[in-house]
Amino acid sequence: MSRKLNRILLVGGLAVLCSCKPSIPRDVIDPDDMEDILYDYHLADAAANLNSDSTRFYNARLYQLAVLKKHGVTEAQFDSSMVYYTRHTDKLYAIYEQLAKRIGGVPESETTDDGLNRYSMETGEAANVWTGERCYAFIPKAPFNKQAFVIPVDSSYHKGDRLILEFDAQFLYQEGVRDGIAILATRLSNDSVITRTMHMSSNIHYSLEVFDDKMVGIKDIRGLFYLNRDRNATLTTTKVMILNHIRLMRLHEKEKIQQQQEKEAAAKQDSVKKDSIRQDSMRVEDGKRENIQIINKE
């Protein structure tokens, strides 16, 4: 009986051990609490940026200390927790992904519709052709420091289209140089490539654009978001770049398209005229040859 009981206890113990998942150490701030602290950090940083350059960093420090006090966490606890999460990048990135959703959680209608109407009024037909996520979080450690994208091109694109990539950048940095990079590249139908590159370091709205000014047609759209690492900064402090409200506006330039259509129509009409003149001249030449043949027969 005792053997059977021991076996049952042994199997039950093994089952419990196998079912247990790796947990966060007791002295480390819980991921949900860490997310709340970092979110308040974001709000504090935004508030500090409202001040002049001479007081911004001083106020940011005061706001950050106030955030820790609000959550009942000491600097030592926060810093040691950041050391843990930095060594477990997957857990840190999961926190930042949730944080990015909270920061970028503006309904689609509040941003895109106004932009579409604004672009439509200014330049003609417009459409948001972005197919990726509207919000990304980056930390300066591979593979979480970059995001490439490819946008499909179909028959809805016209010659002379303009592309505008725009987004809002948010940096949560305790120290170090902020250096985000955005690249937008298009390959045209003649296989020429147009590339635009932009560096980001502030919590503002960014945009970059490419334009098919040669009216040859867009064949391919690619790009990259990237966060550089400051090698002089420590690895265990908060460093995150969040890009939200991302969209890629495709604009049909009505005036350019109309000019191109008129140009193509004129070229076609000119070609028809040339063909008609060539055919008339051939008829004249044929008539001359027939007259010569008749004269020779006489």
C-alpha atoms as a PDB file:
ATOM      1  CA  MET A   1       0.000   0.000   0.000  1.00  0.00           C
ATOM      2  CA  SER A   2       2.833   2.359   0.940  1.00  0.00           C
ATOM      3  CA  ARG A   3       4.609   1.653  -2.369  1.00  0.00           C
ATOM      4  CA  LYS A   4       1.501   2.475  -4.336  1.00  0.00           C
ATOM      5  CA  LEU A   5       1.046   5.688  -2.347  1.00  0.00           C
ATOM      6  CA  ASN A   6       4.677   6.658  -2.933  1.00  0.00           C
ATOM      7  CA  ARG A   7       4.294   6.116  -6.660  1.00  0.00           C
ATOM      8  CA  ILE A   8       1.177   8.269  -6.738  1.00  0.00           C
ATOM      9  CA  LEU A   9       2.976  11.039  -4.827  1.00  0.00           C
ATOM     10  CA  LEU A  10       6.023  10.784  -7.110  1.00  0.00           C
ATOM     11  CA  VAL A  11       3.961  10.975 -10.304  1.00  0.00           C
ATOM     12  CA  GLY A  12       1.915  13.847  -8.890  1.00  0.00           C
ATOM     13  CA  GLY A  13       5.077  15.722  -7.902  1.00  0.00           C
ATOM     14  CA  LEU A  14       6.622  15.272 -11.348  1.00  0.00           C
ATOM     15  CA  ALA A  15       3.411  16.474 -12.982  1.00  0.00           C
ATOM     16  CA  VAL A  16       3.440  19.599 -10.838  1.00  0.00           C
ATOM     17  CA  LEU A  17       7.097  20.270 -11.643  1.00  0.00           C
ATOM     18  CA  CYS A  18       6.520  19.787 -15.365  1.00  0.00           C
ATOM     19  CA  SER A  19       3.508  22.059 -15.364  1.00  0.00           C
ATOM     20  CA  CYS A  20       5.368  24.907 -13.661  1.00  0.00           C
ATOM     21  CA  LYS A  21       6.557  27.657 -15.968  1.00  0.00           C
ATOM     22  CA  PRO A  22       9.603  29.844 -15.345  1.00  0.00           C
ATOM     23  CA  SER A  23       8.463  32.759 -13.169  1.00  0.00           C
ATOM     24  CA  ILE A  24       9.782  36.243 -12.513  1.00  0.00           C
ATOM     25  CA  PRO A  25      12.144  36.424  -9.488  1.00  0.00           C
ATOM     26  CA  ARG A  26      10.560  37.905  -6.390  1.00  0.00           C
ATOM     27  CA  ASP A  27      12.826  40.961  -6.339  1.00  0.00           C
ATOM     28  CA  VAL A  28      11.954  41.860  -9.953  1.00  0.00           C
ATOM     29  CA  ILE A  29       9.024  44.127 -10.775  1.00  0.00           C
ATOM     30  CA  ASP A  30       6.119  42.203 -12.315  1.00  0.00           C
ATOM     31  CA  PRO A  31       5.735  42.674 -16.125  1.00  0.00           C
ATOM     32  CA  ASP A  32       2.273  44.289 -15.777  1.00  0.00           C
ATOM     33  CA  ASP A  33       3.555  46.698 -13.122  1.00  0.00           C
ATOM     34  CA  MET A  34       6.645  47.404 -15.226  1.00  0.00           C
ATOM     35  CA  GLU A  35       4.401  48.256 -18.162  1.00  0.00           C
ATOM     36  CA  ASP A  36       2.429  50.710 -16.004  1.00  0.00           C
ATOM     37  CA  ILE A  37       5.622  52.372 -14.764  1.00  0.00           C
ATOM     38  CA  LEU A  38       7.015  52.728 -18.282  1.00  0.00           C
ATOM     39  CA  TYR A  39       3.698  54.102 -19.506  1.00  0.00           C
ATOM     40  CA  ASP A  40       3.802  56.789 -16.812  1.00  0.00           C
ATOM     41  CA  TYR A  41       7.437  57.387 -17.791  1.00  0.00           C
ATOM     42  CA  HIS A  42       6.171  58.138 -21.289  1.00  0.00           C
ATOM     43  CA  LEU A  43       3.614  60.623 -19.947  1.00  0.00           C
ATOM     44  CA  ALA A  44       6.253  62.244 -17.732  1.00  0.00           C
ATOM     45  CA  ASP A  45       8.662  62.567 -20.639  1.00  0.00           C
ATOM     46  CA  ALA A  46       5.956  64.147 -22.784  1.00  0.00           C
ATOM     47  CA  ALA A  47       5.199  66.645 -20.007  1.00  0.00           C
ATOM     48  CA  ALA A  48       8.893  67.494 -19.615  1.00  0.00           C
ATOM     49  CA  ASN A  49       9.188  68.168 -23.345  1.00  0.00           C
ATOM     50  CA  LEU A  50       6.616  70.948 -23.015  1.00  0.00           C
ATOM     51  CA  ASN A  51       9.222  73.024 -21.180  1.00  0.00           C
ATOM     52  CA  SER A  52      12.133  74.959 -22.618  1.00  0.00           C
ATOM     53  CA  ASP A  53      15.435  73.227 -23.377  1.00  0.00           C
ATOM     54  CA  SER A  54      17.105  74.718 -20.290  1.00  0.00           C
ATOM     55  CA  THR A  55      14.723  72.974 -17.855  1.00  0.00           C
ATOM     56  CA  ARG A  56      13.536  69.983 -19.859  1.00  0.00           C
ATOM     57  CA  PHE A  57      16.064  67.408 -18.615  1.00  0.00           C
ATOM     58  CA  TYR A  58      15.821  68.636 -15.023  1.00  0.00           C
ATOM     59  CA  ASN A  59      12.030  68.374 -15.075  1.00  0.00           C
ATOM     60  CA  ALA A  60      12.182  64.973 -16.765  1.00  0.00           C
ATOM     61  CA  ARG A  61      14.294  63.705 -13.874  1.00  0.00           C
ATOM     62  CA  LEU A  62      11.827  65.062 -11.312  1.00  0.00           C
ATOM     63  CA  TYR A  63       8.877  63.546 -13.168  1.00  0.00           C
ATOM     64  CA  GLN A  64      10.593  60.155 -13.366  1.00  0.00           C
ATOM     65  CA  LEU A  65      11.250  60.136  -9.627  1.00  0.00           C
ATOM     66  CA  ALA A  66       7.609  61.068  -9.055  1.00  0.00           C
ATOM     67  CA  VAL A  67       6.524  58.112 -11.207  1.00  0.00           C
ATOM     68  CA  LEU A  68       8.586  55.685  -9.104  1.00  0.00           C
ATOM     69  CA  LYS A  69       7.158  57.179  -5.912  1.00  0.00           C
ATOM     70  CA  LYS A  70       3.615  56.830  -7.287  1.00  0.00           C
ATOM     71  CA  HIS A  71       4.154  53.100  -7.868  1.00  0.00           C
ATOM     72  CA  GLY A  72       5.969  52.560  -4.572  1.00  0.00           C
ATOM     73  CA  VAL A  73       9.205  51.518  -6.277  1.00  0.00           C
ATOM     74  CA  THR A  74      12.741  52.672  -5.466  1.00  0.00           C
ATOM     75  CA  GLU A  75      15.337  53.527  -8.088  1.00  0.00           C
ATOM     76  CA  ALA A  76      17.370  50.515  -6.986  1.00  0.00           C
ATOM     77  CA  GLN A  77      14.381  48.188  -7.532  1.00  0.00           C
ATOM     78  CA  PHE A  78      13.648  49.706 -10.917  1.00  0.00           C
ATOM     79  CA  ASP A  79      17.272  49.536 -12.053  1.00  0.00           C
ATOM     80  CA  SER A  80      17.749  45.938 -10.889  1.00  0.00           C
ATOM     81  CA  SER A  81      14.519  44.967 -12.653  1.00  0.00           C
ATOM     82  CA  MET A  82      15.755  46.604 -15.849  1.00  0.00           C
ATOM     83  CA  VAL A  83      18.956  44.552 -15.548  1.00  0.00           C
ATOM     84  CA  TYR A  84      16.859  41.376 -15.384  1.00  0.00           C
ATOM     85  CA  TYR A  85      14.618  42.300 -18.323  1.00  0.00           C
ATOM     86  CA  THR A  86      17.585  43.403 -20.420  1.00  0.00           C
ATOM     87  CA  ARG A  87      19.076  39.950 -19.960  1.00  0.00           C
ATOM     88  CA  HIS A  88      15.713  38.408 -20.913  1.00  0.00           C
ATOM     89  CA  THR A  89      15.042  40.426 -24.043  1.00  0.00           C
ATOM     90  CA  ASP A  90      11.944  38.463 -25.046  1.00  0.00           C
ATOM     91  CA  LYS A  91      10.196  39.456 -21.805  1.00  0.00           C
ATOM     92  CA  LEU A  92      11.312  43.075 -22.175  1.00  0.00           C
ATOM     93  CA  TYR A  93      10.089  43.241 -25.749  1.00  0.00           C
ATOM     94  CA  ALA A  94       6.714  41.764 -24.742  1.00  0.00           C
ATOM     95  CA  ILE A  95       6.332  44.613 -22.244  1.00  0.00           C
ATOM     96  CA  TYR A  96       7.235  47.192 -24.878  1.00  0.00           C
ATOM     97  CA  GLU A  97       4.803  45.687 -27.378  1.00  0.00           C
ATOM     98  CA  GLN A  98       1.954  46.145 -24.907  1.00  0.00           C
ATOM     99  CA  LEU A  99       3.249  49.617 -24.099  1.00  0.00           C
ATOM    100  CA  ALA A 100       3.291  50.514 -27.791  1.00  0.00           C
ATOM    101  CA  LYS A 101      -0.362  49.485 -28.113  1.00  0.00           C
ATOM    102  CA  ARG A 102      -1.317  51.706 -25.191  1.00  0.00           C
ATOM    103  CA  ILE A 103       0.599  54.702 -26.515  1.00  0.00           C
ATOM    104  CA  GLY A 104      -0.587  54.189 -30.076  1.00  0.00           C
ATOM    105  CA  GLY A 105      -4.146  53.210 -29.197  1.00  0.00           C
ATOM    106  CA  VAL A 106      -5.937  55.941 -31.168  1.00  0.00           C
ATOM    107  CA  PRO A 107      -8.942  54.735 -33.215  1.00  0.00           C
ATOM    108  CA  GLU A 108      -8.347  54.489 -36.946  1.00  0.00           C
ATOM    109  CA  SER A 109     -11.068  57.039 -37.734  1.00  0.00           C
ATOM    110  CA  GLU A 110      -9.422  59.710 -35.570  1.00  0.00           C
ATOM    111  CA  THR A 111      -6.265  59.787 -37.644  1.00  0.00           C
ATOM    112  CA  THR A 112      -6.653  58.269 -41.079  1.00  0.00           C
ATOM    113  CA  ASP A 113      -9.883  59.899 -42.235  1.00  0.00           C
ATOM    114  CA  ASP A 114      -8.662  63.424 -41.560  1.00  0.00           C
ATOM    115  CA  GLY A 115      -5.417  62.665 -43.334  1.00  0.00           C
ATOM    116  CA  LEU A 116      -7.195  61.225 -46.363  1.00  0.00           C
ATOM    117  CA  ASN A 117      -9.472  64.244 -46.634  1.00  0.00           C
ATOM    118  CA  ARG A 118      -6.563  66.636 -46.225  1.00  0.00           C
ATOM    119  CA  TYR A 119      -4.486  64.935 -48.904  1.00  0.00           C
ATOM    120  CA  SER A 120      -7.480  64.571 -51.208  1.00  0.00           C
ATOM    121  CA  MET A 121      -8.233  68.266 -51.017  1.00  0.00           C
ATOM    122  CA  GLU A 122      -4.633  69.276 -51.591  1.00  0.00           C
ATOM    123  CA  THR A 123      -3.529  66.939 -54.350  1.00  0.00           C
ATOM    124  CA  GLY A 124      -6.362  64.775 -55.613  1.00  0.00           C
ATOM    125  CA  GLU A 125      -7.153  61.113 -54.976  1.00  0.00           C
ATOM    126  CA  ALA A 126      -5.474  59.595 -51.909  1.00  0.00           C
ATOM    127  CA  ALA A 127      -5.356  56.182 -50.226  1.00  0.00           C
ATOM    128  CA  ASN A 128      -3.593  54.677 -47.230  1.00  0.00           C
ATOM    129  CA  VAL A 129      -1.738  51.666 -48.700  1.00  0.00           C
ATOM    130  CA  TRP A 130       0.101  50.671 -45.508  1.00  0.00           C
ATOM    131  CA  THR A 131      -0.271  46.919 -44.863  1.00  0.00           C
ATOM    132  CA  GLY A 132       1.838  46.485 -41.721  1.00  0.00           C
ATOM    133  CA  GLU A 133       1.092  47.102 -38.060  1.00  0.00           C
ATOM    134  CA  ARG A 134       0.206  50.677 -37.179  1.00  0.00           C
ATOM    135  CA  CYS A 135       2.518  50.607 -34.169  1.00  0.00           C
ATOM    136  CA  TYR A 136       5.959  49.083 -33.515  1.00  0.00           C
ATOM    137  CA  ALA A 137       8.281  49.063 -30.499  1.00  0.00           C
ATOM    138  CA  PHE A 138      12.077  48.875 -30.821  1.00  0.00           C
ATOM    139  CA  ILE A 139      14.929  48.316 -28.393  1.00  0.00           C
ATOM    140  CA  PRO A 140      18.621  48.669 -29.367  1.00  0.00           C
ATOM    141  CA  LYS A 141      19.310  44.940 -29.439  1.00  0.00           C
ATOM    142  CA  ALA A 142      18.921  42.519 -32.346  1.00  0.00           C
ATOM    143  CA  PRO A 143      16.522  41.245 -33.521  1.00  0.00           C
ATOM    144  CA  PHE A 144      14.221  43.760 -31.810  1.00  0.00           C
ATOM    145  CA  ASN A 145      15.923  46.856 -33.244  1.00  0.00           C
ATOM    146  CA  LYS A 146      14.550  46.740 -36.792  1.00  0.00           C
ATOM    147  CA  GLN A 147      11.438  46.150 -38.872  1.00  0.00           C
ATOM    148  CA  ALA A 148      11.508  45.782 -42.657  1.00  0.00           C
ATOM    149  CA  PHE A 149       8.416  46.159 -44.814  1.00  0.00           C
ATOM    150  CA  VAL A 150       7.315  45.470 -48.402  1.00  0.00           C
ATOM    151  CA  ILE A 151       4.185  47.061 -49.860  1.00  0.00           C
ATOM    152  CA  PRO A 152       2.477  45.277 -52.788  1.00  0.00           C
ATOM    153  CA  VAL A 153       1.958  47.311 -55.971  1.00  0.00           C
ATOM    154  CA  ASP A 154      -1.039  46.624 -58.221  1.00  0.00           C
ATOM    155  CA  SER A 155      -2.995  48.169 -61.082  1.00  0.00           C
ATOM    156  CA  SER A 156      -4.428  50.878 -58.811  1.00  0.00           C
ATOM    157  CA  TYR A 157      -1.091  52.694 -58.964  1.00  0.00           C
ATOM    158  CA  HIS A 158      -0.672  55.357 -61.652  1.00  0.00           C
ATOM    159  CA  LYS A 159       2.299  56.929 -63.337  1.00  0.00           C
ATOM    160  CA  GLY A 160       3.340  60.020 -61.405  1.00  0.00           C
ATOM    161  CA  ASP A 161       2.118  58.789 -58.014  1.00  0.00           C
ATOM    162  CA  ARG A 162       3.527  60.332 -54.839  1.00  0.00           C
ATOM    163  CA  LEU A 163       4.154  58.248 -51.686  1.00  0.00           C
ATOM    164  CA  ILE A 164       4.283  59.779 -48.200  1.00  0.00           C
ATOM    165  CA  LEU A 165       5.327  57.637 -45.209  1.00  0.00           C
ATOM    166  CA  GLU A 166       4.357  59.282 -41.923  1.00  0.00           C
ATOM    167  CA  PHE A 167       4.280  58.335 -38.250  1.00  0.00           C
ATOM    168  CA  ASP A 168       4.694  59.621 -34.701  1.00  0.00           C
ATOM    169  CA  ALA A 169       7.891  58.782 -32.799  1.00  0.00           C
ATOM    170  CA  GLN A 170       8.079  58.319 -29.028  1.00  0.00           C
ATOM    171  CA  PHE A 171      11.413  57.762 -27.235  1.00  0.00           C
ATOM    172  CA  LEU A 172      11.621  56.427 -23.678  1.00  0.00           C
ATOM    173  CA  TYR A 173      15.294  56.893 -22.777  1.00  0.00           C
ATOM    174  CA  GLN A 174      16.932  57.174 -19.375  1.00  0.00           C
ATOM    175  CA  GLU A 175      20.253  57.981 -21.031  1.00  0.00           C
ATOM    176  CA  GLY A 176      22.130  57.734 -24.308  1.00  0.00           C
ATOM    177  CA  VAL A 177      21.783  59.139 -27.801  1.00  0.00           C
ATOM    178  CA  ARG A 178      18.439  58.646 -29.547  1.00  0.00           C
ATOM    179  CA  ASP A 179      18.946  57.628 -33.151  1.00  0.00           C
ATOM    180  CA  GLY A 180      16.095  56.013 -35.047  1.00  0.00           C
ATOM    181  CA  ILE A 181      16.219  55.606 -38.809  1.00  0.00           C
ATOM    182  CA  ALA A 182      13.414  55.347 -41.370  1.00  0.00           C
ATOM    183  CA  ILE A 183      14.068  54.363 -44.994  1.00  0.00           C
ATOM    184  CA  LEU A 184      11.579  54.422 -47.870  1.00  0.00           C
ATOM    185  CA  ALA A 185      12.627  53.117 -51.290  1.00  0.00           C
ATOM    186  CA  THR A 186      10.780  52.603 -54.570  1.00  0.00           C
ATOM    187  CA  ARG A 187      11.866  50.854 -57.735  1.00  0.00           C
ATOM    188  CA  LEU A 188      10.366  52.325 -60.881  1.00  0.00           C
ATOM    189  CA  SER A 189       9.336  50.543 -64.063  1.00  0.00           C
ATOM    190  CA  ASN A 190      12.636  51.490 -65.710  1.00  0.00           C
ATOM    191  CA  ASP A 191      14.439  49.800 -62.745  1.00  0.00           C
ATOM    192  CA  SER A 192      15.759  53.080 -61.355  1.00  0.00           C
ATOM    193  CA  VAL A 193      15.545  53.395 -57.550  1.00  0.00           C
ATOM    194  CA  ILE A 194      14.461  56.366 -55.441  1.00  0.00           C
ATOM    195  CA  THR A 195      15.460  56.225 -51.744  1.00  0.00           C
ATOM    196  CA  ARG A 196      14.724  58.570 -48.851  1.00  0.00           C
ATOM    197  CA  THR A 197      16.355  58.250 -45.406  1.00  0.00           C
ATOM    198  CA  MET A 198      15.473  60.082 -42.201  1.00  0.00           C
ATOM    199  CA  HIS A 199      16.972  60.095 -38.687  1.00  0.00           C
ATOM    200  CA  MET A 200      14.630  60.481 -35.695  1.00  0.00           C
ATOM    201  CA  SER A 201      15.539  61.656 -32.202  1.00  0.00           C
ATOM    202  CA  SER A 202      12.534  63.639 -30.917  1.00  0.00           C
ATOM    203  CA  ASN A 203       8.974  62.903 -29.847  1.00  0.00           C
ATOM    204  CA  ILE A 204       7.354  64.492 -32.891  1.00  0.00           C
ATOM    205  CA  HIS A 205       5.569  63.658 -36.129  1.00  0.00           C
ATOM    206  CA  TYR A 206       7.788  62.566 -39.040  1.00  0.00           C
ATOM    207  CA  SER A 207       7.192  62.128 -42.758  1.00  0.00           C
ATOM    208  CA  LEU A 208       9.255  61.324 -45.830  1.00  0.00           C
ATOM    209  CA  GLU A 209       8.160  60.979 -49.430  1.00  0.00           C
ATOM    210  CA  VAL A 210       9.139  59.713 -52.855  1.00  0.00           C
ATOM    211  CA  PHE A 211       7.712  60.949 -56.127  1.00  0.00           C
ATOM    212  CA  ASP A 212       7.556  59.307 -59.554  1.00  0.00           C
ATOM    213  CA  ASP A 213       8.407  62.618 -61.207  1.00  0.00           C
ATOM    214  CA  LYS A 214       9.529  60.924 -64.438  1.00  0.00           C
ATOM    215  CA  MET A 215       6.038  59.458 -64.867  1.00  0.00           C
ATOM    216  CA  VAL A 216       7.314  55.925 -65.543  1.00  0.00           C
ATOM    217  CA  GLY A 217       5.307  54.036 -62.899  1.00  0.00           C
ATOM    218  CA  ILE A 218       6.114  52.485 -59.502  1.00  0.00           C
ATOM    219  CA  LYS A 219       7.141  48.823 -59.597  1.00  0.00           C
ATOM    220  CA  ASP A 220       8.210  48.042 -56.040  1.00  0.00           C
ATOM    221  CA  ILE A 221       7.969  49.643 -52.541  1.00  0.00           C
ATOM    222  CA  ARG A 222      10.230  48.674 -49.643  1.00  0.00           C
ATOM    223  CA  GLY A 223      11.498  50.211 -46.434  1.00  0.00           C
ATOM    224  CA  LEU A 224      13.022  49.778 -43.000  1.00  0.00           C
ATOM    225  CA  PHE A 225      12.678  51.121 -39.462  1.00  0.00           C
ATOM    226  CA  TYR A 226      15.836  50.796 -37.354  1.00  0.00           C
ATOM    227  CA  LEU A 227      17.061  51.823 -33.900  1.00  0.00           C
ATOM    228  CA  ASN A 228      20.788  52.428 -33.540  1.00  0.00           C
ATOM    229  CA  ARG A 229      22.611  51.493 -30.376  1.00  0.00           C
ATOM    230  CA  ASP A 230      24.570  54.105 -28.437  1.00  0.00           C
ATOM    231  CA  ARG A 231      27.758  52.220 -27.585  1.00  0.00           C
ATOM    232  CA  ASN A 232      28.688  54.731 -24.875  1.00  0.00           C
ATOM    233  CA  ALA A 233      25.486  54.152 -22.885  1.00  0.00           C
ATOM    234  CA  THR A 234      24.925  51.337 -20.398  1.00  0.00           C
ATOM    235  CA  LEU A 235      22.875  48.351 -21.525  1.00  0.00           C
ATOM    236  CA  THR A 236      20.619  48.111 -18.475  1.00  0.00           C
ATOM    237  CA  THR A 237      18.783  51.436 -18.679  1.00  0.00           C
ATOM    238  CA  THR A 238      15.462  52.071 -20.402  1.00  0.00           C
ATOM    239  CA  LYS A 239      15.837  52.667 -24.118  1.00  0.00           C
ATOM    240  CA  VAL A 240      12.827  52.173 -26.358  1.00  0.00           C
ATOM    241  CA  MET A 241      11.564  53.790 -29.533  1.00  0.00           C
ATOM    242  CA  ILE A 242       7.874  53.499 -30.370  1.00  0.00           C
ATOM    243  CA  LEU A 243       6.536  54.382 -33.791  1.00  0.00           C
ATOM    244  CA  ASN A 244       2.762  54.698 -33.979  1.00  0.00           C
ATOM    245  CA  HIS A 245       0.017  55.939 -36.304  1.00  0.00           C
ATOM    246  CA  ILE A 246       2.083  54.612 -39.200  1.00  0.00           C
ATOM    247  CA  ARG A 247       0.590  55.030 -42.652  1.00  0.00           C
ATOM    248  CA  LEU A 248       1.761  55.224 -46.245  1.00  0.00           C
ATOM    249  CA  MET A 249      -0.284  57.637 -48.319  1.00  0.00           C
ATOM    250  CA  ARG A 250      -0.450  57.082 -52.074  1.00  0.00           C
ATOM    251  CA  LEU A 251      -1.467  60.236 -53.912  1.00  0.00           C
ATOM    252  CA  HIS A 252      -2.644  60.412 -57.507  1.00  0.00           C
ATOM    253  CA  GLU A 253      -1.403  63.763 -58.770  1.00  0.00           C
ATOM    254  CA  LYS A 254      -4.386  64.798 -60.901  1.00  0.00           C
ATOM    255  CA  GLU A 255      -2.619  67.631 -62.684  1.00  0.00           C
ATOM    256  CA  LYS A 256       0.441  65.513 -63.460  1.00  0.00           C
ATOM    257  CA  ILE A 257      -1.707  62.599 -64.613  1.00  0.00           C
ATOM    258  CA  GLN A 258      -3.773  64.872 -66.828  1.00  0.00           C
ATOM    259  CA  GLN A 259      -0.630  66.396 -68.319  1.00  0.00           C
ATOM    260  CA  GLN A 260       0.785  62.918 -68.953  1.00  0.00           C
ATOM    261  CA  GLN A 261      -2.460  61.751 -70.543  1.00  0.00           C
ATOM    262  CA  GLU A 262      -2.536  64.836 -72.762  1.00  0.00           C
ATOM    263  CA  LYS A 263       1.095  64.256 -73.682  1.00  0.00           C
ATOM    264  CA  GLU A 264       0.450  60.605 -74.552  1.00  0.00           C
ATOM    265  CA  ALA A 265      -2.680  61.570 -76.546  1.00  0.00           C
ATOM    266  CA  ALA A 266      -0.726  64.229 -78.465  1.00  0.00           C
ATOM    267  CA  ALA A 267       2.061  61.754 -79.161  1.00  0.00           C
ATOM    268  CA  LYS A 268      -0.471  59.193 -80.388  1.00  0.00           C
ATOM    269  CA  GLN A 269      -2.163  61.785 -82.606  1.00  0.00           C
ATOM    270  CA  ASP A 270       1.198  62.878 -83.961  1.00  0.00           C
ATOM    271  CA  SER A 271       2.043  59.258 -84.706  1.00  0.00           C
ATOM    272  CA  VAL A 272      -1.260  58.844 -86.569  1.00  0.00           C
ATOM    273  CA  LYS A 273      -0.535  61.975 -88.620  1.00  0.00           C
ATOM    274  CA  LYS A 274       2.930  60.714 -89.493  1.00  0.00           C
ATOM    275  CA  ASP A 275       1.495  57.350 -90.549  1.00  0.00           C
ATOM    276  CA  SER A 276      -1.100  59.139 -92.694  1.00  0.00           C
ATOM    277  CA  ILE A 277       1.548  61.345 -94.343  1.00  0.00           C
ATOM    278  CA  ARG A 278       3.764  58.304 -94.938  1.00  0.00           C
ATOM    279  CA  GLN A 279       0.885  56.417 -96.543  1.00  0.00           C
ATOM    280  CA  ASP A 280       0.011  59.437 -98.757  1.00  0.00           C
ATOM    281  CA  SER A 281       3.606  59.756 -99.860  1.00  0.00           C
ATOM    282  CA  MET A 282       3.671  56.028-100.663  1.00  0.00           C
ATOM    283  CA  ARG A 283       0.532  56.433-102.792  1.00  0.00           C
ATOM    284  CA  VAL A 284       2.138  59.346-104.658  1.00  0.00           C
ATOM    285  CA  GLU A 285       5.258  57.290-105.270  1.00  0.00           C
ATOM    286  CA  ASP A 286       3.140  54.378-106.488  1.00  0.00           C
ATOM    287  CA  GLY A 287       1.259  56.781-108.811  1.00  0.00           C
ATOM    288  CA  LYS A 288       4.508  58.130-110.212  1.00  0.00           C
ATOM    289  CA  ARG A 289       5.776  54.619-110.927  1.00  0.00           C
ATOM    290  CA  GLU A 290       2.525  53.718-112.708  1.00  0.00           C
ATOM    291  CA  ASN A 291       2.753  56.852-114.889  1.00  0.00           C
ATOM    292  CA  ILE A 292       6.324  56.041-115.830  1.00  0.00           C
ATOM    293  CA  GLN A 293       5.340  52.491-116.765  1.00  0.00           C
ATOM    294  CA  ILE A 294       2.491  53.800-118.975  1.00  0.00           C
ATOM    295  CA  ILE A 295       4.807  56.282-120.726  1.00  0.00           C
ATOM    296  CA  ASN A 296       7.377  53.571-121.356  1.00  0.00           C
ATOM    297  CA  LYS A 297       4.724  51.326-122.893  1.00  0.00           C
ATOM    298  CA  GLU A 298       3.610  54.097-125.271  1.00  0.00           C
END
